[in-house]
Amino acid sequence: MENSKLLSLLCVASLTLLVHAAPSRSVTDDIAILKERIDRQTLALTTLRAKVGDLEQSFSQSLSLTSQFIEDVTQQLTARSTSVAFFARLDKSYENIGAWETIVFKTVVTNEGGAYDGTTGVFTAPVNGTYVFNSNIMAKAGKSIETSLKVNDINKLYLYSGGTASFYGPGSNMAVLNLNSGDKVKMVKHGPWGLEPFYIHATWSTFSGFLLKPSL
């Protein structure tokens, strides 16, 4: 009888321990499950952030390419619609122009596009393209003069003018040049060569040019 009572007490004690121990295991399991979920969500968030970063980079690159495309198209449309042509002559004769001095054709007859400056004698290419230039220089009777066309201070064309003892002598030349936007073009006295005084007749001396074809 006493053994039966002892066994009953042991069962009650075991059940009591099980009842009290069960919640502890359940909370631990819940915490583990919750931590696992948090880890998975953190990994998913990290992956999402990486994808967003990739998308931002791709969008930035696409935006840059689109901006460059728009700029290129704008330049092409501007070039196609650009009309460039000028014609100018001297307002007075040069009695003895100095070596490498710029010949300033101040009387501007035509200046479509406004690329030629009559105060400096310099033409500035407004767009990339192929240009045509022509100049006529009239020398005094019995004298001679050498001139040249410079692009950014580099000689691209040479011109010789010489008169006989009784007649004034003209010289002319033409150049077809590929220029970049911003290139400077002018006519100058080519060094000290010729027979002084280096006279240039106003009425017969001219400088002209035009855009033949823009570069697209």
N, C-alpha and C. Protein backbone atom coordinates (compact mmCIF):
# COMPACT_ATOMS: atom_id res chain seq x y z
N MET A 1 0.83 -1.20 0.00
CA MET A 1 0.00 0.00 0.00
C MET A 1 0.86 1.23 0.00
N GLU A 2 1.85 1.25 0.77
CA GLU A 2 2.77 2.39 0.85
C GLU A 2 3.50 2.55 -0.47
N ASN A 3 3.83 1.45 -1.11
CA ASN A 3 4.50 1.54 -2.43
C ASN A 3 3.60 2.20 -3.45
N SER A 4 2.33 1.87 -3.39
CA SER A 4 1.37 2.48 -4.33
C SER A 4 1.27 3.96 -4.09
N LYS A 5 1.25 4.38 -2.87
CA LYS A 5 1.20 5.80 -2.58
C LYS A 5 2.46 6.52 -3.06
N LEU A 6 3.61 5.86 -2.84
CA LEU A 6 4.88 6.46 -3.27
C LEU A 6 4.94 6.62 -4.78
N LEU A 7 4.42 5.59 -5.49
CA LEU A 7 4.40 5.66 -6.96
C LEU A 7 3.50 6.77 -7.43
N SER A 8 2.39 6.94 -6.76
CA SER A 8 1.45 8.02 -7.12
C SER A 8 2.08 9.37 -6.89
N LEU A 9 2.78 9.50 -5.80
CA LEU A 9 3.46 10.77 -5.52
C LEU A 9 4.52 11.09 -6.57
N LEU A 10 5.25 10.03 -6.98
CA LEU A 10 6.28 10.24 -8.00
C LEU A 10 5.67 10.66 -9.32
N CYS A 11 4.54 10.10 -9.69
CA CYS A 11 3.86 10.47 -10.95
C CYS A 11 3.38 11.89 -10.92
N VAL A 12 2.82 12.27 -9.76
CA VAL A 12 2.35 13.66 -9.61
C VAL A 12 3.52 14.62 -9.72
N ALA A 13 4.61 14.25 -9.05
CA ALA A 13 5.81 15.10 -9.09
C ALA A 13 6.35 15.24 -10.52
N SER A 14 6.35 14.11 -11.25
CA SER A 14 6.85 14.13 -12.63
C SER A 14 5.98 14.98 -13.52
N LEU A 15 4.66 14.85 -13.35
CA LEU A 15 3.72 15.65 -14.14
C LEU A 15 3.90 17.14 -13.85
N THR A 16 4.10 17.40 -12.55
CA THR A 16 4.31 18.80 -12.16
C THR A 16 5.55 19.38 -12.82
N LEU A 17 6.61 18.58 -12.81
CA LEU A 17 7.85 19.02 -13.45
C LEU A 17 7.66 19.22 -14.95
N LEU A 18 6.92 18.31 -15.58
CA LEU A 18 6.67 18.42 -17.02
C LEU A 18 5.86 19.66 -17.35
N VAL A 19 4.85 19.94 -16.52
CA VAL A 19 4.01 21.12 -16.75
C VAL A 19 4.82 22.39 -16.64
N HIS A 20 5.70 22.44 -15.62
CA HIS A 20 6.51 23.64 -15.42
C HIS A 20 7.64 23.75 -16.43
N ALA A 21 8.15 22.63 -16.91
CA ALA A 21 9.28 22.64 -17.86
C ALA A 21 8.83 22.92 -19.27
N ALA A 22 7.61 22.55 -19.64
CA ALA A 22 7.11 22.71 -21.02
C ALA A 22 7.14 24.15 -21.50
N PRO A 23 6.66 25.12 -20.75
CA PRO A 23 6.71 26.50 -21.23
C PRO A 23 8.11 26.98 -21.52
N SER A 24 9.10 26.59 -20.76
CA SER A 24 10.48 27.02 -20.99
C SER A 24 10.97 26.55 -22.34
N ARG A 25 10.71 25.32 -22.72
CA ARG A 25 11.13 24.80 -24.01
C ARG A 25 10.36 25.50 -25.13
N SER A 26 9.10 25.81 -24.93
CA SER A 26 8.29 26.47 -25.96
C SER A 26 8.80 27.87 -26.26
N VAL A 27 9.13 28.65 -25.23
CA VAL A 27 9.66 30.01 -25.41
C VAL A 27 11.00 29.97 -26.13
N THR A 28 11.83 29.03 -25.75
CA THR A 28 13.14 28.89 -26.40
C THR A 28 12.99 28.57 -27.88
N ASP A 29 12.05 27.66 -28.15
CA ASP A 29 11.80 27.30 -29.55
C ASP A 29 11.27 28.51 -30.33
N ASP A 30 10.34 29.25 -29.68
CA ASP A 30 9.78 30.43 -30.35
C ASP A 30 10.86 31.47 -30.65
N ILE A 31 11.74 31.65 -29.69
CA ILE A 31 12.83 32.61 -29.90
C ILE A 31 13.73 32.17 -31.05
N ALA A 32 14.03 30.89 -31.11
CA ALA A 32 14.87 30.36 -32.18
C ALA A 32 14.20 30.55 -33.54
N ILE A 33 12.87 30.25 -33.57
CA ILE A 33 12.12 30.41 -34.83
C ILE A 33 12.10 31.88 -35.25
N LEU A 34 11.86 32.75 -34.25
CA LEU A 34 11.81 34.19 -34.54
C LEU A 34 13.16 34.69 -35.04
N LYS A 35 14.23 34.23 -34.42
CA LYS A 35 15.57 34.64 -34.85
C LYS A 35 15.85 34.17 -36.27
N GLU A 36 15.40 32.95 -36.58
CA GLU A 36 15.60 32.42 -37.94
C GLU A 36 14.84 33.27 -38.97
N ARG A 37 13.62 33.66 -38.59
CA ARG A 37 12.83 34.52 -39.48
C ARG A 37 13.50 35.88 -39.69
N ILE A 38 14.00 36.44 -38.59
CA ILE A 38 14.68 37.74 -38.68
C ILE A 38 15.91 37.64 -39.57
N ASP A 39 16.67 36.53 -39.41
CA ASP A 39 17.85 36.33 -40.25
C ASP A 39 17.47 36.26 -41.74
N ARG A 40 16.36 35.50 -42.01
CA ARG A 40 15.91 35.39 -43.40
C ARG A 40 15.47 36.75 -43.96
N GLN A 41 14.75 37.51 -43.13
CA GLN A 41 14.29 38.83 -43.56
C GLN A 41 15.46 39.79 -43.77
N THR A 42 16.46 39.68 -42.89
CA THR A 42 17.65 40.52 -43.04
C THR A 42 18.38 40.21 -44.33
N LEU A 43 18.52 38.91 -44.64
CA LEU A 43 19.16 38.49 -45.89
C LEU A 43 18.36 38.97 -47.09
N ALA A 44 17.03 38.84 -46.99
CA ALA A 44 16.17 39.30 -48.10
C ALA A 44 16.30 40.80 -48.29
N LEU A 45 16.36 41.55 -47.18
CA LEU A 45 16.50 43.01 -47.26
C LEU A 45 17.84 43.40 -47.86
N THR A 46 18.90 42.68 -47.46
CA THR A 46 20.23 42.93 -48.02
C THR A 46 20.24 42.68 -49.52
N THR A 47 19.62 41.56 -49.93
CA THR A 47 19.54 41.23 -51.36
C THR A 47 18.74 42.29 -52.11
N LEU A 48 17.64 42.75 -51.50
CA LEU A 48 16.80 43.78 -52.13
C LEU A 48 17.57 45.08 -52.28
N ARG A 49 18.32 45.45 -51.26
CA ARG A 49 19.12 46.67 -51.34
C ARG A 49 20.16 46.58 -52.46
N ALA A 50 20.77 45.40 -52.61
CA ALA A 50 21.76 45.21 -53.68
C ALA A 50 21.10 45.36 -55.04
N LYS A 51 19.89 44.80 -55.19
CA LYS A 51 19.18 44.92 -56.46
C LYS A 51 18.80 46.36 -56.74
N VAL A 52 18.36 47.07 -55.69
CA VAL A 52 18.03 48.50 -55.86
C VAL A 52 19.26 49.29 -56.27
N GLY A 53 20.41 48.95 -55.67
CA GLY A 53 21.65 49.62 -56.06
C GLY A 53 22.00 49.38 -57.52
N ASP A 54 21.82 48.13 -57.95
CA ASP A 54 22.09 47.80 -59.36
C ASP A 54 21.14 48.56 -60.28
N LEU A 55 19.87 48.65 -59.88
CA LEU A 55 18.88 49.37 -60.69
C LEU A 55 19.22 50.86 -60.75
N GLU A 56 19.65 51.43 -59.62
CA GLU A 56 20.03 52.85 -59.60
C GLU A 56 21.22 53.10 -60.53
N GLN A 57 22.20 52.19 -60.51
CA GLN A 57 23.37 52.33 -61.38
C GLN A 57 22.96 52.21 -62.84
N SER A 58 22.11 51.24 -63.16
CA SER A 58 21.65 51.07 -64.54
C SER A 58 20.86 52.28 -65.00
N PHE A 59 20.02 52.81 -64.11
CA PHE A 59 19.23 54.00 -64.45
C PHE A 59 20.14 55.20 -64.69
N SER A 60 21.17 55.35 -63.85
CA SER A 60 22.10 56.46 -64.01
C SER A 60 22.84 56.36 -65.34
N GLN A 61 23.27 55.15 -65.70
CA GLN A 61 23.96 54.95 -66.97
C GLN A 61 23.03 55.22 -68.15
N SER A 62 21.78 54.75 -68.03
CA SER A 62 20.80 54.99 -69.09
C SER A 62 20.52 56.47 -69.24
N LEU A 63 20.42 57.17 -68.12
CA LEU A 63 20.17 58.62 -68.15
C LEU A 63 21.32 59.35 -68.80
N SER A 64 22.56 58.92 -68.49
CA SER A 64 23.74 59.54 -69.08
C SER A 64 23.77 59.32 -70.59
N LEU A 65 23.48 58.08 -71.02
CA LEU A 65 23.46 57.78 -72.45
C LEU A 65 22.37 58.56 -73.16
N THR A 66 21.21 58.68 -72.51
CA THR A 66 20.11 59.43 -73.10
C THR A 66 20.47 60.90 -73.25
N SER A 67 21.10 61.46 -72.23
CA SER A 67 21.52 62.87 -72.28
C SER A 67 22.54 63.09 -73.40
N GLN A 68 23.49 62.15 -73.54
CA GLN A 68 24.49 62.26 -74.60
C GLN A 68 23.84 62.16 -75.97
N PHE A 69 22.86 61.24 -76.09
CA PHE A 69 22.15 61.09 -77.36
C PHE A 69 21.40 62.37 -77.73
N ILE A 70 20.71 62.95 -76.74
CA ILE A 70 19.98 64.20 -77.00
C ILE A 70 20.94 65.31 -77.41
N GLU A 71 22.10 65.38 -76.73
CA GLU A 71 23.09 66.41 -77.07
C GLU A 71 23.61 66.22 -78.49
N ASP A 72 23.91 64.96 -78.86
CA ASP A 72 24.41 64.67 -80.21
C ASP A 72 23.37 65.05 -81.27
N VAL A 73 22.11 64.67 -81.02
CA VAL A 73 21.04 64.99 -81.98
C VAL A 73 20.86 66.49 -82.10
N THR A 74 20.93 67.19 -80.96
CA THR A 74 20.80 68.65 -80.98
C THR A 74 21.90 69.29 -81.80
N GLN A 75 23.14 68.81 -81.61
CA GLN A 75 24.26 69.35 -82.37
C GLN A 75 24.10 69.08 -83.86
N GLN A 76 23.61 67.89 -84.20
CA GLN A 76 23.41 67.55 -85.61
C GLN A 76 22.34 68.44 -86.23
N LEU A 77 21.23 68.63 -85.50
CA LEU A 77 20.17 69.48 -86.02
C LEU A 77 20.63 70.92 -86.15
N THR A 78 21.44 71.37 -85.17
CA THR A 78 21.97 72.74 -85.23
C THR A 78 22.90 72.90 -86.42
N ALA A 79 23.76 71.88 -86.62
CA ALA A 79 24.70 71.94 -87.74
C ALA A 79 23.97 71.98 -89.07
N ARG A 80 22.91 71.18 -89.19
CA ARG A 80 22.18 71.13 -90.45
C ARG A 80 21.51 72.45 -90.77
N SER A 81 21.09 73.16 -89.73
CA SER A 81 20.37 74.41 -89.95
C SER A 81 21.29 75.64 -89.94
N THR A 82 22.60 75.43 -89.73
CA THR A 82 23.52 76.55 -89.64
C THR A 82 23.96 77.01 -91.03
N SER A 83 23.78 78.29 -91.29
CA SER A 83 24.25 78.89 -92.54
C SER A 83 25.42 79.80 -92.21
N VAL A 84 26.58 79.49 -92.77
CA VAL A 84 27.80 80.24 -92.47
C VAL A 84 28.43 80.70 -93.79
N ALA A 85 28.56 82.01 -93.96
CA ALA A 85 29.20 82.56 -95.16
C ALA A 85 29.58 84.01 -94.87
N PHE A 86 30.78 84.38 -95.31
CA PHE A 86 31.20 85.77 -95.12
C PHE A 86 32.00 86.26 -96.32
N PHE A 87 31.98 87.57 -96.50
CA PHE A 87 32.78 88.23 -97.54
C PHE A 87 33.13 89.61 -97.03
N ALA A 88 34.45 89.92 -97.06
CA ALA A 88 34.90 91.21 -96.54
C ALA A 88 36.06 91.73 -97.37
N ARG A 89 36.25 93.05 -97.33
CA ARG A 89 37.37 93.67 -98.02
C ARG A 89 37.98 94.74 -97.12
N LEU A 90 39.14 95.26 -97.55
CA LEU A 90 39.82 96.28 -96.75
C LEU A 90 39.06 97.60 -96.82
N ASP A 91 39.09 98.34 -95.71
CA ASP A 91 38.48 99.66 -95.72
C ASP A 91 39.48 100.73 -96.19
N LYS A 92 40.78 100.37 -96.11
CA LYS A 92 41.83 101.25 -96.63
C LYS A 92 43.06 100.41 -96.93
N SER A 93 43.94 100.92 -97.76
CA SER A 93 45.12 100.16 -98.16
C SER A 93 46.15 100.09 -97.04
N TYR A 94 46.88 98.99 -97.00
CA TYR A 94 48.05 98.88 -96.13
C TYR A 94 49.23 99.44 -96.91
N GLU A 95 49.92 100.43 -96.36
CA GLU A 95 51.07 101.02 -97.04
C GLU A 95 52.32 100.17 -96.86
N ASN A 96 52.44 99.54 -95.69
CA ASN A 96 53.61 98.68 -95.45
C ASN A 96 53.31 97.80 -94.22
N ILE A 97 52.61 96.71 -94.45
CA ILE A 97 52.20 95.84 -93.35
C ILE A 97 53.39 95.08 -92.79
N GLY A 98 53.39 94.88 -91.48
CA GLY A 98 54.51 94.21 -90.82
C GLY A 98 54.46 92.69 -90.94
N ALA A 99 55.62 92.05 -90.71
CA ALA A 99 55.72 90.59 -90.78
C ALA A 99 54.78 89.94 -89.78
N TRP A 100 54.01 88.96 -90.24
CA TRP A 100 53.06 88.15 -89.46
C TRP A 100 51.88 88.96 -88.92
N GLU A 101 51.74 90.19 -89.37
CA GLU A 101 50.61 91.00 -88.93
C GLU A 101 49.31 90.48 -89.58
N THR A 102 48.23 90.47 -88.79
CA THR A 102 46.93 90.04 -89.32
C THR A 102 46.38 91.08 -90.29
N ILE A 103 45.90 90.62 -91.43
CA ILE A 103 45.26 91.51 -92.40
C ILE A 103 43.79 91.61 -91.99
N VAL A 104 43.37 92.79 -91.59
CA VAL A 104 42.01 92.98 -91.09
C VAL A 104 41.13 93.55 -92.20
N PHE A 105 40.25 92.73 -92.70
CA PHE A 105 39.29 93.16 -93.73
C PHE A 105 38.07 93.73 -93.01
N LYS A 106 38.08 95.03 -92.81
CA LYS A 106 37.09 95.67 -91.93
C LYS A 106 35.73 95.89 -92.59
N THR A 107 35.71 96.04 -93.90
CA THR A 107 34.43 96.29 -94.58
C THR A 107 33.76 94.94 -94.83
N VAL A 108 32.79 94.61 -93.98
CA VAL A 108 32.10 93.31 -94.05
C VAL A 108 30.86 93.46 -94.93
N VAL A 109 30.85 92.74 -96.03
CA VAL A 109 29.73 92.80 -96.97
C VAL A 109 28.68 91.75 -96.62
N THR A 110 29.13 90.54 -96.34
CA THR A 110 28.25 89.43 -95.99
C THR A 110 28.81 88.72 -94.76
N ASN A 111 27.91 88.38 -93.84
CA ASN A 111 28.38 87.68 -92.64
C ASN A 111 27.25 86.82 -92.06
N GLU A 112 26.78 85.84 -92.83
CA GLU A 112 25.73 84.94 -92.35
C GLU A 112 26.28 84.04 -91.25
N GLY A 113 25.60 84.02 -90.14
CA GLY A 113 26.05 83.22 -89.00
C GLY A 113 26.92 84.02 -88.04
N GLY A 114 27.40 85.20 -88.48
CA GLY A 114 28.19 86.07 -87.62
C GLY A 114 29.52 85.49 -87.17
N ALA A 115 30.12 84.61 -87.97
CA ALA A 115 31.37 83.94 -87.55
C ALA A 115 32.61 84.77 -87.84
N TYR A 116 32.50 85.79 -88.72
CA TYR A 116 33.67 86.61 -89.04
C TYR A 116 33.61 87.91 -88.24
N ASP A 117 34.75 88.29 -87.67
CA ASP A 117 34.87 89.52 -86.88
C ASP A 117 35.64 90.56 -87.67
N GLY A 118 34.95 91.61 -88.13
CA GLY A 118 35.59 92.64 -88.94
C GLY A 118 36.53 93.54 -88.16
N THR A 119 36.49 93.49 -86.83
CA THR A 119 37.41 94.32 -86.04
C THR A 119 38.76 93.64 -85.82
N THR A 120 38.79 92.31 -85.92
CA THR A 120 40.04 91.57 -85.70
C THR A 120 40.53 90.85 -86.96
N GLY A 121 39.63 90.67 -87.93
CA GLY A 121 39.99 89.93 -89.14
C GLY A 121 39.99 88.43 -88.95
N VAL A 122 39.39 87.95 -87.85
CA VAL A 122 39.43 86.52 -87.51
C VAL A 122 38.06 85.88 -87.73
N PHE A 123 38.06 84.73 -88.40
CA PHE A 123 36.87 83.90 -88.56
C PHE A 123 36.94 82.77 -87.56
N THR A 124 35.84 82.54 -86.81
CA THR A 124 35.78 81.46 -85.83
C THR A 124 34.74 80.44 -86.29
N ALA A 125 35.18 79.20 -86.52
CA ALA A 125 34.27 78.15 -86.99
C ALA A 125 33.20 77.88 -85.93
N PRO A 126 31.92 78.03 -86.27
CA PRO A 126 30.85 77.79 -85.28
C PRO A 126 30.52 76.32 -85.07
N VAL A 127 30.78 75.49 -86.08
CA VAL A 127 30.48 74.05 -85.99
C VAL A 127 31.59 73.26 -86.67
N ASN A 128 31.68 71.98 -86.34
CA ASN A 128 32.60 71.09 -87.06
C ASN A 128 32.13 70.95 -88.50
N GLY A 129 33.07 70.94 -89.43
CA GLY A 129 32.65 70.76 -90.82
C GLY A 129 33.75 71.07 -91.81
N THR A 130 33.38 71.04 -93.08
CA THR A 130 34.29 71.36 -94.19
C THR A 130 34.00 72.78 -94.65
N TYR A 131 35.05 73.59 -94.70
CA TYR A 131 34.91 75.01 -95.05
C TYR A 131 35.75 75.33 -96.28
N VAL A 132 35.32 76.36 -97.00
CA VAL A 132 36.05 76.86 -98.17
C VAL A 132 36.43 78.31 -97.91
N PHE A 133 37.72 78.66 -98.15
CA PHE A 133 38.19 80.03 -97.97
C PHE A 133 38.88 80.50 -99.24
N ASN A 134 38.75 81.78 -99.51
CA ASN A 134 39.39 82.38 -100.68
C ASN A 134 39.87 83.78 -100.32
N SER A 135 41.04 84.14 -100.85
CA SER A 135 41.53 85.49 -100.62
C SER A 135 42.21 86.01 -101.89
N ASN A 136 42.04 87.29 -102.11
CA ASN A 136 42.70 87.99 -103.23
C ASN A 136 43.47 89.17 -102.65
N ILE A 137 44.76 89.23 -102.95
CA ILE A 137 45.61 90.30 -102.45
C ILE A 137 46.26 91.03 -103.63
N MET A 138 46.08 92.34 -103.66
CA MET A 138 46.64 93.15 -104.74
C MET A 138 47.90 93.88 -104.26
N ALA A 139 49.03 93.63 -104.94
CA ALA A 139 50.29 94.28 -104.59
C ALA A 139 50.52 95.52 -105.46
N LYS A 140 51.37 96.40 -104.98
CA LYS A 140 51.68 97.65 -105.69
C LYS A 140 52.57 97.38 -106.90
N ALA A 141 52.48 98.25 -107.88
CA ALA A 141 53.33 98.12 -109.08
C ALA A 141 54.80 98.10 -108.69
N GLY A 142 55.52 97.13 -109.23
CA GLY A 142 56.95 97.02 -108.96
C GLY A 142 57.28 96.41 -107.61
N LYS A 143 56.28 95.98 -106.84
CA LYS A 143 56.50 95.40 -105.51
C LYS A 143 55.89 94.00 -105.46
N SER A 144 56.22 93.24 -104.42
CA SER A 144 55.64 91.91 -104.22
C SER A 144 55.41 91.68 -102.73
N ILE A 145 54.47 90.80 -102.46
CA ILE A 145 54.14 90.50 -101.06
C ILE A 145 53.67 89.06 -100.95
N GLU A 146 54.11 88.39 -99.89
CA GLU A 146 53.65 87.03 -99.60
C GLU A 146 52.71 87.08 -98.39
N THR A 147 51.59 86.39 -98.51
CA THR A 147 50.63 86.30 -97.41
C THR A 147 50.28 84.83 -97.19
N SER A 148 49.62 84.54 -96.09
CA SER A 148 49.22 83.15 -95.80
C SER A 148 47.93 83.13 -95.00
N LEU A 149 47.22 82.02 -95.11
CA LEU A 149 46.03 81.79 -94.31
C LEU A 149 46.41 80.88 -93.16
N LYS A 150 46.10 81.33 -91.96
CA LYS A 150 46.46 80.56 -90.76
C LYS A 150 45.21 79.99 -90.10
N VAL A 151 45.31 78.75 -89.62
CA VAL A 151 44.30 78.14 -88.78
C VAL A 151 44.94 77.85 -87.44
N ASN A 152 44.47 78.56 -86.41
CA ASN A 152 45.07 78.41 -85.07
C ASN A 152 46.59 78.62 -85.12
N ASP A 153 47.01 79.67 -85.86
CA ASP A 153 48.42 80.05 -85.99
C ASP A 153 49.27 79.04 -86.75
N ILE A 154 48.64 78.17 -87.52
CA ILE A 154 49.38 77.24 -88.39
C ILE A 154 49.06 77.59 -89.84
N ASN A 155 50.11 77.77 -90.66
CA ASN A 155 49.90 78.13 -92.06
C ASN A 155 49.23 76.98 -92.81
N LYS A 156 48.14 77.29 -93.50
CA LYS A 156 47.41 76.29 -94.29
C LYS A 156 47.38 76.64 -95.78
N LEU A 157 47.62 77.89 -96.13
CA LEU A 157 47.56 78.34 -97.51
C LEU A 157 48.55 79.48 -97.70
N TYR A 158 49.25 79.49 -98.85
CA TYR A 158 50.21 80.55 -99.16
C TYR A 158 49.77 81.29 -100.42
N LEU A 159 50.05 82.58 -100.44
CA LEU A 159 49.58 83.40 -101.54
C LEU A 159 50.68 84.40 -101.92
N TYR A 160 50.99 84.48 -103.21
CA TYR A 160 52.02 85.41 -103.69
C TYR A 160 51.36 86.45 -104.61
N SER A 161 51.66 87.71 -104.36
CA SER A 161 51.14 88.80 -105.20
C SER A 161 52.32 89.67 -105.63
N GLY A 162 52.41 89.94 -106.92
CA GLY A 162 53.52 90.77 -107.41
C GLY A 162 53.13 91.56 -108.63
N GLY A 163 53.48 92.83 -108.65
CA GLY A 163 53.16 93.69 -109.78
C GLY A 163 54.39 93.93 -110.66
N THR A 164 54.12 94.28 -111.91
CA THR A 164 55.21 94.66 -112.82
C THR A 164 55.58 96.11 -112.54
N ALA A 165 56.54 96.60 -113.30
CA ALA A 165 56.98 97.98 -113.09
C ALA A 165 55.87 98.98 -113.33
N SER A 166 54.90 98.61 -114.19
CA SER A 166 53.85 99.56 -114.56
C SER A 166 52.47 99.20 -114.03
N PHE A 167 52.29 97.96 -113.58
CA PHE A 167 50.94 97.53 -113.19
C PHE A 167 50.94 96.90 -111.80
N TYR A 168 49.84 97.13 -111.11
CA TYR A 168 49.61 96.44 -109.84
C TYR A 168 49.42 94.94 -110.13
N GLY A 169 49.81 94.10 -109.20
CA GLY A 169 49.72 92.65 -109.44
C GLY A 169 48.91 91.93 -108.37
N PRO A 170 47.83 91.22 -108.77
CA PRO A 170 47.02 90.48 -107.80
C PRO A 170 47.53 89.05 -107.62
N GLY A 171 47.15 88.48 -106.52
CA GLY A 171 47.39 87.06 -106.28
C GLY A 171 46.19 86.51 -105.53
N SER A 172 45.80 85.29 -105.83
CA SER A 172 44.64 84.70 -105.14
C SER A 172 44.88 83.21 -104.94
N ASN A 173 44.16 82.67 -103.97
CA ASN A 173 44.27 81.24 -103.69
C ASN A 173 43.03 80.79 -102.91
N MET A 174 42.77 79.49 -102.95
CA MET A 174 41.59 78.93 -102.28
C MET A 174 42.01 77.71 -101.47
N ALA A 175 41.34 77.52 -100.33
CA ALA A 175 41.61 76.35 -99.48
C ALA A 175 40.30 75.71 -99.05
N VAL A 176 40.29 74.37 -99.04
CA VAL A 176 39.17 73.60 -98.51
C VAL A 176 39.68 72.88 -97.27
N LEU A 177 39.10 73.21 -96.11
CA LEU A 177 39.66 72.74 -94.84
C LEU A 177 38.60 72.11 -93.96
N ASN A 178 39.00 71.07 -93.26
CA ASN A 178 38.15 70.47 -92.23
C ASN A 178 38.47 71.15 -90.89
N LEU A 179 37.48 71.80 -90.32
CA LEU A 179 37.68 72.55 -89.08
C LEU A 179 36.82 72.00 -87.96
N ASN A 180 37.29 72.24 -86.75
CA ASN A 180 36.51 71.94 -85.55
C ASN A 180 35.89 73.23 -85.02
N SER A 181 34.80 73.09 -84.32
CA SER A 181 34.16 74.26 -83.73
C SER A 181 35.15 75.01 -82.84
N GLY A 182 35.26 76.32 -83.06
CA GLY A 182 36.19 77.14 -82.27
C GLY A 182 37.52 77.41 -82.94
N ASP A 183 37.81 76.73 -84.05
CA ASP A 183 39.06 77.00 -84.78
C ASP A 183 39.07 78.43 -85.30
N LYS A 184 40.26 79.07 -85.26
CA LYS A 184 40.42 80.46 -85.69
C LYS A 184 41.13 80.51 -87.04
N VAL A 185 40.56 81.29 -87.96
CA VAL A 185 41.11 81.40 -89.32
C VAL A 185 41.33 82.88 -89.64
N LYS A 186 42.51 83.20 -90.23
CA LYS A 186 42.79 84.59 -90.59
C LYS A 186 43.84 84.64 -91.68
N MET A 187 43.93 85.78 -92.35
CA MET A 187 44.99 86.05 -93.33
C MET A 187 46.04 86.92 -92.67
N VAL A 188 47.33 86.59 -92.93
CA VAL A 188 48.43 87.36 -92.33
C VAL A 188 49.50 87.66 -93.39
N LYS A 189 50.33 88.64 -93.08
CA LYS A 189 51.53 88.87 -93.88
C LYS A 189 52.50 87.73 -93.58
N HIS A 190 52.89 86.97 -94.59
CA HIS A 190 53.74 85.80 -94.38
C HIS A 190 55.20 86.23 -94.21
N GLY A 191 55.59 86.38 -92.97
CA GLY A 191 56.98 86.70 -92.65
C GLY A 191 57.48 87.97 -93.31
N PRO A 192 58.79 88.07 -93.51
CA PRO A 192 59.38 89.28 -94.09
C PRO A 192 59.57 89.18 -95.61
N TRP A 193 59.00 88.13 -96.23
CA TRP A 193 59.32 87.87 -97.63
C TRP A 193 58.52 88.73 -98.59
N GLY A 194 59.19 89.13 -99.65
CA GLY A 194 58.59 90.00 -100.66
C GLY A 194 59.49 91.20 -100.89
N LEU A 195 58.98 92.16 -101.60
CA LEU A 195 59.75 93.36 -101.92
C LEU A 195 59.04 94.56 -101.30
N GLU A 196 59.68 95.15 -100.28
CA GLU A 196 59.08 96.29 -99.57
C GLU A 196 59.02 97.54 -100.47
N PRO A 197 58.07 98.40 -100.04
CA PRO A 197 57.10 98.31 -98.94
C PRO A 197 56.00 97.31 -99.25
N PHE A 198 55.51 96.63 -98.19
CA PHE A 198 54.51 95.58 -98.37
C PHE A 198 53.12 96.21 -98.43
N TYR A 199 52.80 96.64 -99.63
CA TYR A 199 51.56 97.36 -99.88
C TYR A 199 50.44 96.37 -100.24
N ILE A 200 49.22 96.64 -99.70
CA ILE A 200 48.03 95.85 -100.06
C ILE A 200 46.93 96.83 -100.46
N HIS A 201 46.45 96.71 -101.68
CA HIS A 201 45.46 97.64 -102.20
C HIS A 201 44.07 97.33 -101.62
N ALA A 202 43.38 98.37 -101.14
CA ALA A 202 42.10 98.18 -100.45
C ALA A 202 41.01 97.66 -101.37
N THR A 203 40.81 98.30 -102.52
CA THR A 203 39.66 97.99 -103.37
C THR A 203 39.68 96.57 -103.90
N TRP A 204 40.86 96.05 -104.21
CA TRP A 204 40.97 94.76 -104.88
C TRP A 204 41.34 93.61 -103.96
N SER A 205 41.49 93.89 -102.69
CA SER A 205 41.90 92.84 -101.74
C SER A 205 40.70 92.39 -100.90
N THR A 206 40.44 91.08 -100.93
CA THR A 206 39.25 90.55 -100.26
C THR A 206 39.55 89.24 -99.53
N PHE A 207 38.63 88.88 -98.64
CA PHE A 207 38.73 87.62 -97.90
C PHE A 207 37.31 87.08 -97.75
N SER A 208 37.10 85.80 -98.08
CA SER A 208 35.76 85.23 -98.00
C SER A 208 35.83 83.76 -97.61
N GLY A 209 34.70 83.24 -97.18
CA GLY A 209 34.64 81.82 -96.81
C GLY A 209 33.21 81.40 -96.54
N PHE A 210 33.01 80.08 -96.53
CA PHE A 210 31.67 79.57 -96.22
C PHE A 210 31.76 78.11 -95.77
N LEU A 211 30.71 77.69 -95.08
CA LEU A 211 30.60 76.29 -94.64
C LEU A 211 30.07 75.46 -95.79
N LEU A 212 30.90 74.54 -96.27
CA LEU A 212 30.47 73.67 -97.37
C LEU A 212 29.58 72.55 -96.87
N LYS A 213 29.99 71.90 -95.78
CA LYS A 213 29.22 70.77 -95.25
C LYS A 213 29.54 70.58 -93.77
N PRO A 214 28.52 70.60 -92.92
CA PRO A 214 28.77 70.34 -91.49
C PRO A 214 29.08 68.86 -91.25
N SER A 215 29.83 68.58 -90.22
CA SER A 215 30.13 67.20 -89.83
C SER A 215 29.02 66.72 -88.91
N LEU A 216 28.38 65.60 -89.27
CA LEU A 216 27.26 65.08 -88.47
C LEU A 216 27.71 63.92 -87.61
